[in-house]
Amino acid sequence: MKTTPEHNERIANMTFAEVYPHYVTKIERKGRTLEELHQVIEWLTGFDAEKIQQSIDEKINFKTFFERANLNTNANLITGVICGYRIEEIENPITKQTRYLDKLVDELAKGRKMEKILRQ
């Protein structure tokens, strides 16, 4: 499934603050910890817990979030389907990076080992 310009714009304009609580709920419901979630976010973006909180407090959108991020060089190893989209086929960089994060959170919630999630 290909993303549309409208879809890409909607993703870019969503705030990290509005999605983050859903990540927390998802992983905690499956017995994972906030520390593990932060480890995954830090691996992908380079943001420590303080930067994550700052992003929430500032209510920045995903476009700004990923512009500020120092994306992990192994992020391209994140593949598969998330929300009906094959990550490798997404062309828009912000949408792709957001789906990387979604995929990592999904893997964490599904109980995957941290070494595999962090592509080590």
PDB file of N, CA and C in Angstrom:
ATOM      1  N   MET A   1       0.840  -1.174   0.000  1.00  0.00           N
ATOM      2  CA  MET A   1       0.000   0.000   0.000  1.00  0.00           C
ATOM      3  C   MET A   1       0.891   1.245   0.000  1.00  0.00           C
ATOM      4  N   LYS A   2       0.602   2.179  -0.873  1.00  0.00           N
ATOM      5  CA  LYS A   2       1.386   3.406  -0.981  1.00  0.00           C
ATOM      6  C   LYS A   2       0.777   4.503  -0.116  1.00  0.00           C
ATOM      7  N   THR A   3       1.628   5.311   0.476  1.00  0.00           N
ATOM      8  CA  THR A   3       1.126   6.432   1.260  1.00  0.00           C
ATOM      9  C   THR A   3       0.729   7.566   0.314  1.00  0.00           C
ATOM     10  N   THR A   4      -0.241   8.357   0.744  1.00  0.00           N
ATOM     11  CA  THR A   4      -0.683   9.512  -0.041  1.00  0.00           C
ATOM     12  C   THR A   4      -0.078  10.774   0.556  1.00  0.00           C
ATOM     13  N   PRO A   5      -0.042  11.861  -0.208  1.00  0.00           N
ATOM     14  CA  PRO A   5       0.457  13.126   0.359  1.00  0.00           C
ATOM     15  C   PRO A   5      -0.329  13.549   1.607  1.00  0.00           C
ATOM     16  N   GLU A   6      -1.629  13.292   1.614  1.00  0.00           N
ATOM     17  CA  GLU A   6      -2.454  13.649   2.773  1.00  0.00           C
ATOM     18  C   GLU A   6      -2.053  12.830   3.994  1.00  0.00           C
ATOM     19  N   HIS A   7      -1.821  11.531   3.750  1.00  0.00           N
ATOM     20  CA  HIS A   7      -1.395  10.641   4.831  1.00  0.00           C
ATOM     21  C   HIS A   7      -0.053  11.113   5.396  1.00  0.00           C
ATOM     22  N   ASN A   8       0.886  11.420   4.522  1.00  0.00           N
ATOM     23  CA  ASN A   8       2.207  11.868   4.951  1.00  0.00           C
ATOM     24  C   ASN A   8       2.117  13.159   5.754  1.00  0.00           C
ATOM     25  N   GLU A   9       1.254  14.062   5.314  1.00  0.00           N
ATOM     26  CA  GLU A   9       1.095  15.340   6.020  1.00  0.00           C
ATOM     27  C   GLU A   9       0.480  15.115   7.400  1.00  0.00           C
ATOM     28  N   ARG A  10      -0.500  14.225   7.469  1.00  0.00           N
ATOM     29  CA  ARG A  10      -1.149  13.927   8.750  1.00  0.00           C
ATOM     30  C   ARG A  10      -0.136  13.347   9.741  1.00  0.00           C
ATOM     31  N   ILE A  11       0.699  12.429   9.274  1.00  0.00           N
ATOM     32  CA  ILE A  11       1.733  11.828  10.131  1.00  0.00           C
ATOM     33  C   ILE A  11       2.717  12.907  10.593  1.00  0.00           C
ATOM     34  N   ALA A  12       3.199  13.722   9.674  1.00  0.00           N
ATOM     35  CA  ALA A  12       4.184  14.756  10.006  1.00  0.00           C
ATOM     36  C   ALA A  12       3.651  15.757  11.018  1.00  0.00           C
ATOM     37  N   ASN A  13       2.345  16.026  10.976  1.00  0.00           N
ATOM     38  CA  ASN A  13       1.762  17.033  11.853  1.00  0.00           C
ATOM     39  C   ASN A  13       1.254  16.488  13.188  1.00  0.00           C
ATOM     40  N   MET A  14       1.221  15.164  13.339  1.00  0.00           N
ATOM     41  CA  MET A  14       0.847  14.595  14.643  1.00  0.00           C
ATOM     42  C   MET A  14       1.933  14.935  15.652  1.00  0.00           C
ATOM     43  N   THR A  15       1.529  15.228  16.879  1.00  0.00           N
ATOM     44  CA  THR A  15       2.546  15.542  17.880  1.00  0.00           C
ATOM     45  C   THR A  15       3.022  14.261  18.569  1.00  0.00           C
ATOM     46  N   PHE A  16       4.279  14.272  18.895  1.00  0.00           N
ATOM     47  CA  PHE A  16       4.854  13.150  19.642  1.00  0.00           C
ATOM     48  C   PHE A  16       4.113  12.997  20.968  1.00  0.00           C
ATOM     49  N   ALA A  17       3.728  14.123  21.584  1.00  0.00           N
ATOM     50  CA  ALA A  17       3.041  14.103  22.878  1.00  0.00           C
ATOM     51  C   ALA A  17       1.705  13.371  22.820  1.00  0.00           C
ATOM     52  N   GLU A  18       1.007  13.431  21.678  1.00  0.00           N
ATOM     53  CA  GLU A  18      -0.286  12.748  21.600  1.00  0.00           C
ATOM     54  C   GLU A  18      -0.136  11.249  21.340  1.00  0.00           C
ATOM     55  N   VAL A  19       0.977  10.823  20.780  1.00  0.00           N
ATOM     56  CA  VAL A  19       1.189   9.405  20.475  1.00  0.00           C
ATOM     57  C   VAL A  19       1.924   8.680  21.605  1.00  0.00           C
ATOM     58  N   TYR A  20       2.818   9.378  22.278  1.00  0.00           N
ATOM     59  CA  TYR A  20       3.642   8.772  23.329  1.00  0.00           C
ATOM     60  C   TYR A  20       2.828   8.012  24.383  1.00  0.00           C
ATOM     61  N   PRO A  21       1.720   8.576  24.908  1.00  0.00           N
ATOM     62  CA  PRO A  21       0.950   7.812  25.908  1.00  0.00           C
ATOM     63  C   PRO A  21       0.420   6.481  25.366  1.00  0.00           C
ATOM     64  N   HIS A  22       0.132   6.427  24.083  1.00  0.00           N
ATOM     65  CA  HIS A  22      -0.315   5.168  23.475  1.00  0.00           C
ATOM     66  C   HIS A  22       0.818   4.144  23.458  1.00  0.00           C
ATOM     67  N   TYR A  23       2.044   4.614  23.190  1.00  0.00           N
ATOM     68  CA  TYR A  23       3.207   3.724  23.254  1.00  0.00           C
ATOM     69  C   TYR A  23       3.350   3.156  24.667  1.00  0.00           C
ATOM     70  N   VAL A  24       3.249   4.042  25.667  1.00  0.00           N
ATOM     71  CA  VAL A  24       3.413   3.628  27.063  1.00  0.00           C
ATOM     72  C   VAL A  24       2.353   2.590  27.438  1.00  0.00           C
ATOM     73  N   THR A  25       1.104   2.874  27.115  1.00  0.00           N
ATOM     74  CA  THR A  25       0.011   1.949  27.426  1.00  0.00           C
ATOM     75  C   THR A  25       0.242   0.595  26.767  1.00  0.00           C
ATOM     76  N   LYS A  26       0.619   0.633  25.510  1.00  0.00           N
ATOM     77  CA  LYS A  26       0.818  -0.600  24.741  1.00  0.00           C
ATOM     78  C   LYS A  26       1.895  -1.485  25.353  1.00  0.00           C
ATOM     79  N   ILE A  27       3.033  -0.896  25.682  1.00  0.00           N
ATOM     80  CA  ILE A  27       4.140  -1.722  26.187  1.00  0.00           C
ATOM     81  C   ILE A  27       3.912  -2.158  27.631  1.00  0.00           C
ATOM     82  N   GLU A  28       3.315  -1.282  28.454  1.00  0.00           N
ATOM     83  CA  GLU A  28       3.074  -1.647  29.852  1.00  0.00           C
ATOM     84  C   GLU A  28       2.016  -2.738  29.961  1.00  0.00           C
ATOM     85  N   ARG A  29       1.008  -2.698  29.081  1.00  0.00           N
ATOM     86  CA  ARG A  29      -0.043  -3.719  29.077  1.00  0.00           C
ATOM     87  C   ARG A  29       0.558  -5.100  28.794  1.00  0.00           C
ATOM     88  N   LYS A  30       1.675  -5.119  28.072  1.00  0.00           N
ATOM     89  CA  LYS A  30       2.333  -6.381  27.729  1.00  0.00           C
ATOM     90  C   LYS A  30       3.494  -6.718  28.665  1.00  0.00           C
ATOM     91  N   GLY A  31       3.616  -5.960  29.764  1.00  0.00           N
ATOM     92  CA  GLY A  31       4.624  -6.284  30.771  1.00  0.00           C
ATOM     93  C   GLY A  31       6.007  -5.705  30.513  1.00  0.00           C
ATOM     94  N   ARG A  32       6.124  -4.790  29.571  1.00  0.00           N
ATOM     95  CA  ARG A  32       7.417  -4.139  29.327  1.00  0.00           C
ATOM     96  C   ARG A  32       7.474  -2.839  30.116  1.00  0.00           C
ATOM     97  N   THR A  33       8.666  -2.279  30.265  1.00  0.00           N
ATOM     98  CA  THR A  33       8.844  -1.116  31.138  1.00  0.00           C
ATOM     99  C   THR A  33       9.065   0.172  30.351  1.00  0.00           C
ATOM    100  N   LEU A  34       8.861   1.270  31.061  1.00  0.00           N
ATOM    101  CA  LEU A  34       9.107   2.594  30.486  1.00  0.00           C
ATOM    102  C   LEU A  34      10.588   2.737  30.125  1.00  0.00           C
ATOM    103  N   GLU A  35      11.452   2.157  30.931  1.00  0.00           N
ATOM    104  CA  GLU A  35      12.892   2.209  30.653  1.00  0.00           C
ATOM    105  C   GLU A  35      13.214   1.518  29.328  1.00  0.00           C
ATOM    106  N   GLU A  36      12.552   0.391  29.074  1.00  0.00           N
ATOM    107  CA  GLU A  36      12.762  -0.313  27.804  1.00  0.00           C
ATOM    108  C   GLU A  36      12.254   0.535  26.630  1.00  0.00           C
ATOM    109  N   LEU A  37      11.107   1.171  26.808  1.00  0.00           N
ATOM    110  CA  LEU A  37      10.575   2.048  25.764  1.00  0.00           C
ATOM    111  C   LEU A  37      11.565   3.170  25.472  1.00  0.00           C
ATOM    112  N   HIS A  38      12.088   3.785  26.527  1.00  0.00           N
ATOM    113  CA  HIS A  38      13.049   4.876  26.347  1.00  0.00           C
ATOM    114  C   HIS A  38      14.334   4.376  25.690  1.00  0.00           C
ATOM    115  N   GLN A  39      14.730   3.155  26.006  1.00  0.00           N
ATOM    116  CA  GLN A  39      15.921   2.581  25.379  1.00  0.00           C
ATOM    117  C   GLN A  39      15.712   2.441  23.873  1.00  0.00           C
ATOM    118  N   VAL A  40      14.528   2.008  23.482  1.00  0.00           N
ATOM    119  CA  VAL A  40      14.202   1.841  22.065  1.00  0.00           C
ATOM    120  C   VAL A  40      14.174   3.202  21.364  1.00  0.00           C
ATOM    121  N   ILE A  41      13.528   4.184  21.993  1.00  0.00           N
ATOM    122  CA  ILE A  41      13.453   5.525  21.402  1.00  0.00           C
ATOM    123  C   ILE A  41      14.848   6.129  21.298  1.00  0.00           C
ATOM    124  N   GLU A  42      15.650   5.950  22.331  1.00  0.00           N
ATOM    125  CA  GLU A  42      17.016   6.489  22.306  1.00  0.00           C
ATOM    126  C   GLU A  42      17.852   5.818  21.218  1.00  0.00           C
ATOM    127  N   TRP A  43      17.696   4.517  21.051  1.00  0.00           N
ATOM    128  CA  TRP A  43      18.451   3.821  19.998  1.00  0.00           C
ATOM    129  C   TRP A  43      18.115   4.402  18.634  1.00  0.00           C
ATOM    130  N   LEU A  44      16.828   4.642  18.380  1.00  0.00           N
ATOM    131  CA  LEU A  44      16.417   5.140  17.071  1.00  0.00           C
ATOM    132  C   LEU A  44      16.773   6.605  16.865  1.00  0.00           C
ATOM    133  N   THR A  45      16.562   7.438  17.892  1.00  0.00           N
ATOM    134  CA  THR A  45      16.645   8.892  17.703  1.00  0.00           C
ATOM    135  C   THR A  45      17.860   9.562  18.338  1.00  0.00           C
ATOM    136  N   GLY A  46      18.466   8.896  19.304  1.00  0.00           N
ATOM    137  CA  GLY A  46      19.545   9.527  20.057  1.00  0.00           C
ATOM    138  C   GLY A  46      19.026  10.346  21.232  1.00  0.00           C
ATOM    139  N   PHE A  47      17.699  10.388  21.447  1.00  0.00           N
ATOM    140  CA  PHE A  47      17.107  11.175  22.534  1.00  0.00           C
ATOM    141  C   PHE A  47      17.113  10.385  23.838  1.00  0.00           C
ATOM    142  N   ASP A  48      17.707  10.983  24.879  1.00  0.00           N
ATOM    143  CA  ASP A  48      17.641  10.376  26.202  1.00  0.00           C
ATOM    144  C   ASP A  48      16.294  10.734  26.842  1.00  0.00           C
ATOM    145  N   ALA A  49      16.069  10.274  28.061  1.00  0.00           N
ATOM    146  CA  ALA A  49      14.777  10.491  28.732  1.00  0.00           C
ATOM    147  C   ALA A  49      14.452  11.981  28.853  1.00  0.00           C
ATOM    148  N   GLU A  50      15.462  12.797  29.094  1.00  0.00           N
ATOM    149  CA  GLU A  50      15.251  14.246  29.220  1.00  0.00           C
ATOM    150  C   GLU A  50      14.774  14.852  27.893  1.00  0.00           C
ATOM    151  N   LYS A  51      15.404  14.449  26.795  1.00  0.00           N
ATOM    152  CA  LYS A  51      15.020  14.946  25.462  1.00  0.00           C
ATOM    153  C   LYS A  51      13.625  14.447  25.073  1.00  0.00           C
ATOM    154  N   ILE A  52      13.315  13.218  25.465  1.00  0.00           N
ATOM    155  CA  ILE A  52      11.983  12.678  25.190  1.00  0.00           C
ATOM    156  C   ILE A  52      10.943  13.534  25.913  1.00  0.00           C
ATOM    157  N   GLN A  53      11.193  13.802  27.196  1.00  0.00           N
ATOM    158  CA  GLN A  53      10.262  14.625  27.974  1.00  0.00           C
ATOM    159  C   GLN A  53      10.154  16.034  27.403  1.00  0.00           C
ATOM    160  N   GLN A  54      11.270  16.590  26.969  1.00  0.00           N
ATOM    161  CA  GLN A  54      11.269  17.929  26.359  1.00  0.00           C
ATOM    162  C   GLN A  54      10.406  17.929  25.089  1.00  0.00           C
ATOM    163  N   SER A  55      10.503  16.889  24.301  1.00  0.00           N
ATOM    164  CA  SER A  55       9.697  16.769  23.080  1.00  0.00           C
ATOM    165  C   SER A  55       8.206  16.711  23.414  1.00  0.00           C
ATOM    166  N   ILE A  56       7.882  16.044  24.507  1.00  0.00           N
ATOM    167  CA  ILE A  56       6.490  15.963  24.955  1.00  0.00           C
ATOM    168  C   ILE A  56       6.019  17.330  25.446  1.00  0.00           C
ATOM    169  N   ASP A  57       6.840  17.958  26.284  1.00  0.00           N
ATOM    170  CA  ASP A  57       6.471  19.260  26.862  1.00  0.00           C
ATOM    171  C   ASP A  57       6.288  20.337  25.791  1.00  0.00           C
ATOM    172  N   GLU A  58       7.132  20.293  24.771  1.00  0.00           N
ATOM    173  CA  GLU A  58       7.052  21.283  23.692  1.00  0.00           C
ATOM    174  C   GLU A  58       5.944  20.969  22.693  1.00  0.00           C
ATOM    175  N   LYS A  59       5.370  19.765  22.817  1.00  0.00           N
ATOM    176  CA  LYS A  59       4.319  19.311  21.893  1.00  0.00           C
ATOM    177  C   LYS A  59       4.742  19.447  20.421  1.00  0.00           C
ATOM    178  N   ILE A  60       5.975  19.009  20.158  1.00  0.00           N
ATOM    179  CA  ILE A  60       6.477  19.088  18.782  1.00  0.00           C
ATOM    180  C   ILE A  60       5.850  17.993  17.931  1.00  0.00           C
ATOM    181  N   ASN A  61       5.719  18.275  16.650  1.00  0.00           N
ATOM    182  CA  ASN A  61       5.158  17.278  15.740  1.00  0.00           C
ATOM    183  C   ASN A  61       6.262  16.307  15.310  1.00  0.00           C
ATOM    184  N   PHE A  62       5.846  15.227  14.635  1.00  0.00           N
ATOM    185  CA  PHE A  62       6.828  14.218  14.225  1.00  0.00           C
ATOM    186  C   PHE A  62       7.845  14.783  13.238  1.00  0.00           C
ATOM    187  N   LYS A  63       7.449  15.738  12.426  1.00  0.00           N
ATOM    188  CA  LYS A  63       8.397  16.349  11.485  1.00  0.00           C
ATOM    189  C   LYS A  63       9.557  16.969  12.261  1.00  0.00           C
ATOM    190  N   THR A  64       9.233  17.789  13.246  1.00  0.00           N
ATOM    191  CA  THR A  64      10.265  18.435  14.071  1.00  0.00           C
ATOM    192  C   THR A  64      11.012  17.403  14.900  1.00  0.00           C
ATOM    193  N   PHE A  65      10.295  16.436  15.445  1.00  0.00           N
ATOM    194  CA  PHE A  65      10.898  15.382  16.263  1.00  0.00           C
ATOM    195  C   PHE A  65      12.016  14.690  15.494  1.00  0.00           C
ATOM    196  N   PHE A  66      11.726  14.281  14.261  1.00  0.00           N
ATOM    197  CA  PHE A  66      12.737  13.557  13.496  1.00  0.00           C
ATOM    198  C   PHE A  66      13.779  14.481  12.870  1.00  0.00           C
ATOM    199  N   GLU A  67      13.450  15.746  12.666  1.00  0.00           N
ATOM    200  CA  GLU A  67      14.469  16.702  12.210  1.00  0.00           C
ATOM    201  C   GLU A  67      15.525  16.905  13.289  1.00  0.00           C
ATOM    202  N   ARG A  68      15.110  16.854  14.547  1.00  0.00           N
ATOM    203  CA  ARG A  68      16.033  17.031  15.678  1.00  0.00           C
ATOM    204  C   ARG A  68      16.784  15.742  16.021  1.00  0.00           C
ATOM    205  N   ALA A  69      16.263  14.633  15.578  1.00  0.00           N
ATOM    206  CA  ALA A  69      16.846  13.326  15.923  1.00  0.00           C
ATOM    207  C   ALA A  69      18.136  13.063  15.161  1.00  0.00           C
ATOM    208  N   ASN A  70      18.958  12.245  15.766  1.00  0.00           N
ATOM    209  CA  ASN A  70      20.158  11.728  15.119  1.00  0.00           C
ATOM    210  C   ASN A  70      19.859  10.250  14.856  1.00  0.00           C
ATOM    211  N   LEU A  71      19.223   9.984  13.707  1.00  0.00           N
ATOM    212  CA  LEU A  71      18.713   8.645  13.418  1.00  0.00           C
ATOM    213  C   LEU A  71      19.838   7.605  13.403  1.00  0.00           C
ATOM    214  N   ASN A  72      19.591   6.500  14.047  1.00  0.00           N
ATOM    215  CA  ASN A  72      20.558   5.412  14.111  1.00  0.00           C
ATOM    216  C   ASN A  72      20.893   4.928  12.694  1.00  0.00           C
ATOM    217  N   THR A  73      22.160   4.685  12.449  1.00  0.00           N
ATOM    218  CA  THR A  73      22.598   4.244  11.120  1.00  0.00           C
ATOM    219  C   THR A  73      22.025   2.886  10.737  1.00  0.00           C
ATOM    220  N   ASN A  74      21.597   2.095  11.725  1.00  0.00           N
ATOM    221  CA  ASN A  74      21.002   0.788  11.439  1.00  0.00           C
ATOM    222  C   ASN A  74      19.482   0.831  11.330  1.00  0.00           C
ATOM    223  N   ALA A  75      18.904   2.022  11.333  1.00  0.00           N
ATOM    224  CA  ALA A  75      17.438   2.137  11.254  1.00  0.00           C
ATOM    225  C   ALA A  75      16.896   1.489   9.984  1.00  0.00           C
ATOM    226  N   ASN A  76      17.685   1.515   8.925  1.00  0.00           N
ATOM    227  CA  ASN A  76      17.230   0.915   7.663  1.00  0.00           C
ATOM    228  C   ASN A  76      17.064  -0.601   7.758  1.00  0.00           C
ATOM    229  N   LEU A  77      17.545  -1.204   8.847  1.00  0.00           N
ATOM    230  CA  LEU A  77      17.365  -2.643   9.053  1.00  0.00           C
ATOM    231  C   LEU A  77      15.966  -2.967   9.599  1.00  0.00           C
ATOM    232  N   ILE A  78      15.201  -1.929   9.952  1.00  0.00           N
ATOM    233  CA  ILE A  78      13.830  -2.116  10.442  1.00  0.00           C
ATOM    234  C   ILE A  78      12.946  -2.326   9.217  1.00  0.00           C
ATOM    235  N   THR A  79      12.396  -3.509   9.116  1.00  0.00           N
ATOM    236  CA  THR A  79      11.571  -3.859   7.956  1.00  0.00           C
ATOM    237  C   THR A  79      10.288  -4.521   8.421  1.00  0.00           C
ATOM    238  N   GLY A  80       9.405  -4.722   7.484  1.00  0.00           N
ATOM    239  CA  GLY A  80       8.160  -5.406   7.796  1.00  0.00           C
ATOM    240  C   GLY A  80       6.967  -4.509   7.569  1.00  0.00           C
ATOM    241  N   VAL A  81       5.825  -4.981   8.027  1.00  0.00           N
ATOM    242  CA  VAL A  81       4.575  -4.266   7.821  1.00  0.00           C
ATOM    243  C   VAL A  81       4.115  -3.667   9.136  1.00  0.00           C
ATOM    244  N   ILE A  82       3.705  -2.414   9.077  1.00  0.00           N
ATOM    245  CA  ILE A  82       3.138  -1.735  10.236  1.00  0.00           C
ATOM    246  C   ILE A  82       1.983  -0.869   9.753  1.00  0.00           C
ATOM    247  N   CYS A  83       0.846  -1.018  10.386  1.00  0.00           N
ATOM    248  CA  CYS A  83      -0.364  -0.261  10.018  1.00  0.00           C
ATOM    249  C   CYS A  83      -0.726  -0.436   8.544  1.00  0.00           C
ATOM    250  N   GLY A  84      -0.447  -1.626   8.021  1.00  0.00           N
ATOM    251  CA  GLY A  84      -0.797  -1.922   6.638  1.00  0.00           C
ATOM    252  C   GLY A  84       0.204  -1.442   5.606  1.00  0.00           C
ATOM    253  N   TYR A  85       1.301  -0.848   6.041  1.00  0.00           N
ATOM    254  CA  TYR A  85       2.317  -0.333   5.120  1.00  0.00           C
ATOM    255  C   TYR A  85       3.609  -1.113   5.281  1.00  0.00           C
ATOM    256  N   ARG A  86       4.220  -1.510   4.175  1.00  0.00           N
ATOM    257  CA  ARG A  86       5.532  -2.152   4.203  1.00  0.00           C
ATOM    258  C   ARG A  86       6.551  -1.033   4.361  1.00  0.00           C
ATOM    259  N   ILE A  87       7.284  -1.040   5.459  1.00  0.00           N
ATOM    260  CA  ILE A  87       8.209   0.040   5.808  1.00  0.00           C
ATOM    261  C   ILE A  87       9.221   0.305   4.691  1.00  0.00           C
ATOM    262  N   GLU A  88       9.741  -0.751   4.106  1.00  0.00           N
ATOM    263  CA  GLU A  88      10.780  -0.590   3.079  1.00  0.00           C
ATOM    264  C   GLU A  88      10.261   0.171   1.855  1.00  0.00           C
ATOM    265  N   GLU A  89       8.961   0.183   1.649  1.00  0.00           N
ATOM    266  CA  GLU A  89       8.387   0.816   0.457  1.00  0.00           C
ATOM    267  C   GLU A  89       7.929   2.244   0.691  1.00  0.00           C
ATOM    268  N   ILE A  90       7.970   2.711   1.932  1.00  0.00           N
ATOM    269  CA  ILE A  90       7.541   4.082   2.228  1.00  0.00           C
ATOM    270  C   ILE A  90       8.611   5.041   1.730  1.00  0.00           C
ATOM    271  N   GLU A  91       8.213   5.997   0.914  1.00  0.00           N
ATOM    272  CA  GLU A  91       9.168   6.936   0.316  1.00  0.00           C
ATOM    273  C   GLU A  91       9.356   8.208   1.138  1.00  0.00           C
ATOM    274  N   ASN A  92       8.303   8.695   1.775  1.00  0.00           N
ATOM    275  CA  ASN A  92       8.395   9.928   2.550  1.00  0.00           C
ATOM    276  C   ASN A  92       9.236   9.684   3.811  1.00  0.00           C
ATOM    277  N   PRO A  93      10.322  10.443   4.008  1.00  0.00           N
ATOM    278  CA  PRO A  93      11.232  10.172   5.130  1.00  0.00           C
ATOM    279  C   PRO A  93      10.581  10.298   6.517  1.00  0.00           C
ATOM    280  N   ILE A  94       9.733  11.301   6.729  1.00  0.00           N
ATOM    281  CA  ILE A  94       9.113  11.473   8.047  1.00  0.00           C
ATOM    282  C   ILE A  94       8.146  10.321   8.330  1.00  0.00           C
ATOM    283  N   THR A  95       7.360   9.954   7.339  1.00  0.00           N
ATOM    284  CA  THR A  95       6.431   8.839   7.505  1.00  0.00           C
ATOM    285  C   THR A  95       7.206   7.557   7.775  1.00  0.00           C
ATOM    286  N   LYS A  96       8.284   7.348   7.048  1.00  0.00           N
ATOM    287  CA  LYS A  96       9.102   6.142   7.227  1.00  0.00           C
ATOM    288  C   LYS A  96       9.709   6.104   8.631  1.00  0.00           C
ATOM    289  N   GLN A  97      10.246   7.224   9.085  1.00  0.00           N
ATOM    290  CA  GLN A  97      10.870   7.269  10.409  1.00  0.00           C
ATOM    291  C   GLN A  97       9.836   7.063  11.517  1.00  0.00           C
ATOM    292  N   THR A  98       8.640   7.627  11.313  1.00  0.00           N
ATOM    293  CA  THR A  98       7.574   7.430  12.290  1.00  0.00           C
ATOM    294  C   THR A  98       7.175   5.961  12.339  1.00  0.00           C
ATOM    295  N   ARG A  99       7.103   5.327  11.187  1.00  0.00           N
ATOM    296  CA  ARG A  99       6.761   3.892  11.135  1.00  0.00           C
ATOM    297  C   ARG A  99       7.884   3.034  11.710  1.00  0.00           C
ATOM    298  N   TYR A 100       9.149   3.481  11.582  1.00  0.00           N
ATOM    299  CA  TYR A 100      10.246   2.785  12.262  1.00  0.00           C
ATOM    300  C   TYR A 100       9.944   2.731  13.767  1.00  0.00           C
ATOM    301  N   LEU A 101       9.605   3.890  14.322  1.00  0.00           N
ATOM    302  CA  LEU A 101       9.328   3.971  15.750  1.00  0.00           C
ATOM    303  C   LEU A 101       8.135   3.094  16.116  1.00  0.00           C
ATOM    304  N   ASP A 102       7.077   3.157  15.319  1.00  0.00           N
ATOM    305  CA  ASP A 102       5.901   2.315  15.575  1.00  0.00           C
ATOM    306  C   ASP A 102       6.278   0.832  15.576  1.00  0.00           C
ATOM    307  N   LYS A 103       7.100   0.439  14.626  1.00  0.00           N
ATOM    308  CA  LYS A 103       7.507  -0.965  14.500  1.00  0.00           C
ATOM    309  C   LYS A 103       8.323  -1.406  15.718  1.00  0.00           C
ATOM    310  N   LEU A 104       9.235  -0.550  16.172  1.00  0.00           N
ATOM    311  CA  LEU A 104      10.045  -0.886  17.344  1.00  0.00           C
ATOM    312  C   LEU A 104       9.174  -1.044  18.584  1.00  0.00           C
ATOM    313  N   VAL A 105       8.201  -0.151  18.747  1.00  0.00           N
ATOM    314  CA  VAL A 105       7.289  -0.241  19.891  1.00  0.00           C
ATOM    315  C   VAL A 105       6.459  -1.521  19.794  1.00  0.00           C
ATOM    316  N   ASP A 106       6.006  -1.862  18.603  1.00  0.00           N
ATOM    317  CA  ASP A 106       5.266  -3.117  18.401  1.00  0.00           C
ATOM    318  C   ASP A 106       6.115  -4.327  18.797  1.00  0.00           C
ATOM    319  N   GLU A 107       7.353  -4.334  18.349  1.00  0.00           N
ATOM    320  CA  GLU A 107       8.239  -5.453  18.663  1.00  0.00           C
ATOM    321  C   GLU A 107       8.467  -5.554  20.166  1.00  0.00           C
ATOM    322  N   LEU A 108       8.614  -4.415  20.829  1.00  0.00           N
ATOM    323  CA  LEU A 108       8.795  -4.397  22.277  1.00  0.00           C
ATOM    324  C   LEU A 108       7.557  -4.977  22.959  1.00  0.00           C
ATOM    325  N   ALA A 109       6.386  -4.531  22.519  1.00  0.00           N
ATOM    326  CA  ALA A 109       5.132  -5.007  23.105  1.00  0.00           C
ATOM    327  C   ALA A 109       4.913  -6.497  22.855  1.00  0.00           C
ATOM    328  N   LYS A 110       5.420  -7.003  21.749  1.00  0.00           N
ATOM    329  CA  LYS A 110       5.241  -8.422  21.429  1.00  0.00           C
ATOM    330  C   LYS A 110       6.225  -9.322  22.159  1.00  0.00           C
ATOM    331  N   GLY A 111       7.103  -8.721  22.965  1.00  0.00           N
ATOM    332  CA  GLY A 111       8.015  -9.516  23.776  1.00  0.00           C
ATOM    333  C   GLY A 111       9.314  -9.887  23.089  1.00  0.00           C
ATOM    334  N   ARG A 112       9.608  -9.261  21.979  1.00  0.00           N
ATOM    335  CA  ARG A 112      10.850  -9.567  21.275  1.00  0.00           C
ATOM    336  C   ARG A 112      12.043  -9.187  22.151  1.00  0.00           C
ATOM    337  N   LYS A 113      13.118  -9.916  22.028  1.00  0.00           N
ATOM    338  CA  LYS A 113      14.320  -9.631  22.807  1.00  0.00           C
ATOM    339  C   LYS A 113      14.913  -8.288  22.370  1.00  0.00           C
ATOM    340  N   MET A 114      15.444  -7.565  23.351  1.00  0.00           N
ATOM    341  CA  MET A 114      15.979  -6.226  23.105  1.00  0.00           C
ATOM    342  C   MET A 114      17.104  -6.240  22.064  1.00  0.00           C
ATOM    343  N   GLU A 115      17.949  -7.286  22.056  1.00  0.00           N
ATOM    344  CA  GLU A 115      19.049  -7.346  21.084  1.00  0.00           C
ATOM    345  C   GLU A 115      18.498  -7.361  19.651  1.00  0.00           C
ATOM    346  N   LYS A 116      17.382  -8.059  19.464  1.00  0.00           N
ATOM    347  CA  LYS A 116      16.765  -8.139  18.130  1.00  0.00           C
ATOM    348  C   LYS A 116      16.101  -6.818  17.772  1.00  0.00           C
ATOM    349  N   ILE A 117      15.412  -6.210  18.744  1.00  0.00           N
ATOM    350  CA  ILE A 117      14.744  -4.935  18.488  1.00  0.00           C
ATOM    351  C   ILE A 117      15.770  -3.886  18.079  1.00  0.00           C
ATOM    352  N   LEU A 118      16.915  -3.874  18.764  1.00  0.00           N
ATOM    353  CA  LEU A 118      17.950  -2.880  18.500  1.00  0.00           C
ATOM    354  C   LEU A 118      18.899  -3.296  17.376  1.00  0.00           C
ATOM    355  N   ARG A 119      18.499  -4.317  16.657  1.00  0.00           N
ATOM    356  CA  ARG A 119      19.228  -4.763  15.448  1.00  0.00           C
ATOM    357  C   ARG A 119      20.708  -4.989  15.721  1.00  0.00           C
ATOM    358  N   GLN A 120      21.002  -5.737  16.807  1.00  0.00           N
ATOM    359  CA  GLN A 120      22.402  -6.006  17.159  1.00  0.00           C
ATOM    360  C   GLN A 120      22.805  -7.385  16.711  1.00  0.00           C
TER     361      GLN A 120
END
